[in-house]
């Protein structure tokens, strides 16, 4: 049986007026926090992704070698809320696995997980 994933909450510390007010802007760059859990369960873990457009990428800090990010970054040629939701739905479908642990491992391909530092220390 596959664990069906769902988004329980969406927020952004970077957008004062609310993330739903961003639509078709040429320069977009914000952190999106997603509370993701299993369908039928109110528990969730927090996952983060930076959402931006090519013009918005220049607002991101780069590492010493000039790399912006290798994970946790969605770049949209033309940002729209509908396209973001379709992308998120596709990721959740792809990451739904036989159990929560495996689903979290798959989700970490796309997002930064709130507990990843603790998991790496084990």
Protein backbone atom coordinates (compact mmCIF):
# COMPACT_ATOMS: atom_id res chain seq x y z
CA UNK A 1 0.00 0.00 0.00
CA UNK A 2 1.35 3.42 -0.97
CA UNK A 3 1.43 6.32 1.45
CA UNK A 4 -0.49 9.18 -0.15
CA UNK A 5 1.11 12.52 0.69
CA UNK A 6 -0.68 15.83 1.11
CA UNK A 7 0.14 19.43 1.95
CA UNK A 8 -1.45 20.52 5.23
CA UNK A 9 -0.15 24.09 5.27
CA UNK A 10 1.78 26.53 3.08
CA UNK A 11 3.53 29.69 4.27
CA UNK A 12 6.42 32.00 3.49
CA UNK A 13 8.52 34.14 5.82
CA UNK A 14 9.64 36.19 2.81
CA UNK A 15 6.29 37.45 1.53
CA UNK A 16 4.53 39.98 3.74
CA UNK A 17 1.24 40.23 1.83
CA UNK A 18 0.78 36.48 1.49
CA UNK A 19 2.07 34.13 -1.14
CA UNK A 20 -1.23 33.98 -3.03
CA UNK A 21 -0.78 37.63 -4.03
CA UNK A 22 2.28 36.77 -6.14
CA UNK A 23 1.13 36.10 -9.66
CA UNK A 24 2.93 36.41 -12.99
CA UNK A 25 5.70 38.56 -11.56
CA UNK A 26 8.93 38.63 -13.63
CA UNK A 27 11.23 38.73 -10.57
CA UNK A 28 10.14 36.22 -7.95
CA UNK A 29 12.27 34.82 -5.14
CA UNK A 30 10.84 33.52 -1.88
CA UNK A 31 11.13 30.65 0.57
CA UNK A 32 8.08 28.40 0.62
CA UNK A 33 7.49 26.30 3.74
CA UNK A 34 5.30 23.24 3.26
CA UNK A 35 3.82 21.14 6.05
CA UNK A 36 3.60 17.72 4.37
CA UNK A 37 2.02 14.64 5.87
CA UNK A 38 0.15 11.49 5.00
CA UNK A 39 -3.49 11.58 3.98
CA UNK A 40 -5.66 10.68 6.95
CA UNK A 41 -3.06 11.82 9.49
CA UNK A 42 -2.90 15.35 10.92
CA UNK A 43 0.82 15.08 11.72
CA UNK A 44 3.29 16.66 9.32
CA UNK A 45 6.91 17.61 8.85
CA UNK A 46 8.15 20.91 7.50
CA UNK A 47 9.87 21.03 4.11
CA UNK A 48 11.29 24.12 2.43
CA UNK A 49 11.94 25.16 -1.13
CA UNK A 50 13.00 28.45 -2.69
CA UNK A 51 10.70 29.45 -5.54
CA UNK A 52 12.05 31.88 -8.09
CA UNK A 53 12.19 33.04 -11.67
CA UNK A 54 15.45 33.44 -13.63
CA UNK A 55 15.52 37.15 -12.71
CA UNK A 56 14.89 36.23 -9.08
CA UNK A 57 17.82 33.78 -8.95
CA UNK A 58 20.24 36.71 -8.82
CA UNK A 59 18.79 37.62 -5.43
CA UNK A 60 19.98 34.33 -3.90
CA UNK A 61 23.31 34.06 -2.10
CA UNK A 62 25.90 31.89 -3.80
CA UNK A 63 28.55 29.63 -2.34
CA UNK A 64 32.29 30.24 -2.69
CA UNK A 65 32.33 28.37 -6.01
CA UNK A 66 29.40 30.41 -7.38
CA UNK A 67 26.78 27.69 -7.00
CA UNK A 68 23.38 29.01 -5.96
CA UNK A 69 21.75 25.76 -4.82
CA UNK A 70 21.84 22.10 -5.67
CA UNK A 71 18.55 21.21 -3.99
CA UNK A 72 15.49 22.92 -2.61
CA UNK A 73 15.11 25.30 -5.54
CA UNK A 74 12.30 25.54 -8.09
CA UNK A 75 13.00 27.93 -10.97
CA UNK A 76 10.00 28.84 -13.13
CA UNK A 77 10.52 30.57 -16.47
CA UNK A 78 7.25 32.39 -15.80
CA UNK A 79 5.92 32.11 -12.27
CA UNK A 80 2.27 31.40 -11.65
CA UNK A 81 0.51 30.02 -8.61
CA UNK A 82 -1.25 27.39 -10.74
CA UNK A 83 2.03 26.14 -12.17
CA UNK A 84 3.55 25.96 -8.68
CA UNK A 85 0.62 23.88 -7.41
CA UNK A 86 0.85 21.53 -10.40
CA UNK A 87 4.56 21.10 -9.74
CA UNK A 88 3.99 20.42 -6.04
CA UNK A 89 1.22 17.92 -6.82
CA UNK A 90 3.56 16.08 -9.19
CA UNK A 91 6.35 15.94 -6.60
CA UNK A 92 3.98 14.59 -3.93
CA UNK A 93 2.69 11.94 -6.30
CA UNK A 94 6.23 10.92 -7.25
CA UNK A 95 7.35 10.79 -3.60
CA UNK A 96 4.42 8.78 -2.27
CA UNK A 97 5.99 5.48 -1.22
CA UNK A 98 5.23 2.38 0.84
CA UNK A 99 5.88 4.23 4.14
CA UNK A 100 6.60 7.66 5.64
CA UNK A 101 10.35 7.08 6.03
CA UNK A 102 10.78 6.26 2.34
CA UNK A 103 8.53 9.16 1.33
CA UNK A 104 10.70 11.57 3.36
CA UNK A 105 13.85 10.25 1.67
CA UNK A 106 12.25 10.90 -1.72
CA UNK A 107 10.94 14.34 -0.70
CA UNK A 108 14.48 15.37 0.24
CA UNK A 109 15.43 15.17 -3.43
CA UNK A 110 13.29 18.28 -3.94
CA UNK A 111 13.02 19.99 -0.57
CA UNK A 112 15.04 20.73 2.53
CA UNK A 113 13.59 18.80 5.48
CA UNK A 114 13.34 20.32 8.97
CA UNK A 115 15.07 17.27 10.52
CA UNK A 116 17.77 16.59 7.93
CA UNK A 117 20.62 17.86 10.12
CA UNK A 118 19.56 15.50 12.91
CA UNK A 119 19.19 12.59 10.50
CA UNK A 120 22.70 13.17 9.11
CA UNK A 121 24.22 13.03 12.60
CA UNK A 122 23.01 9.48 13.17
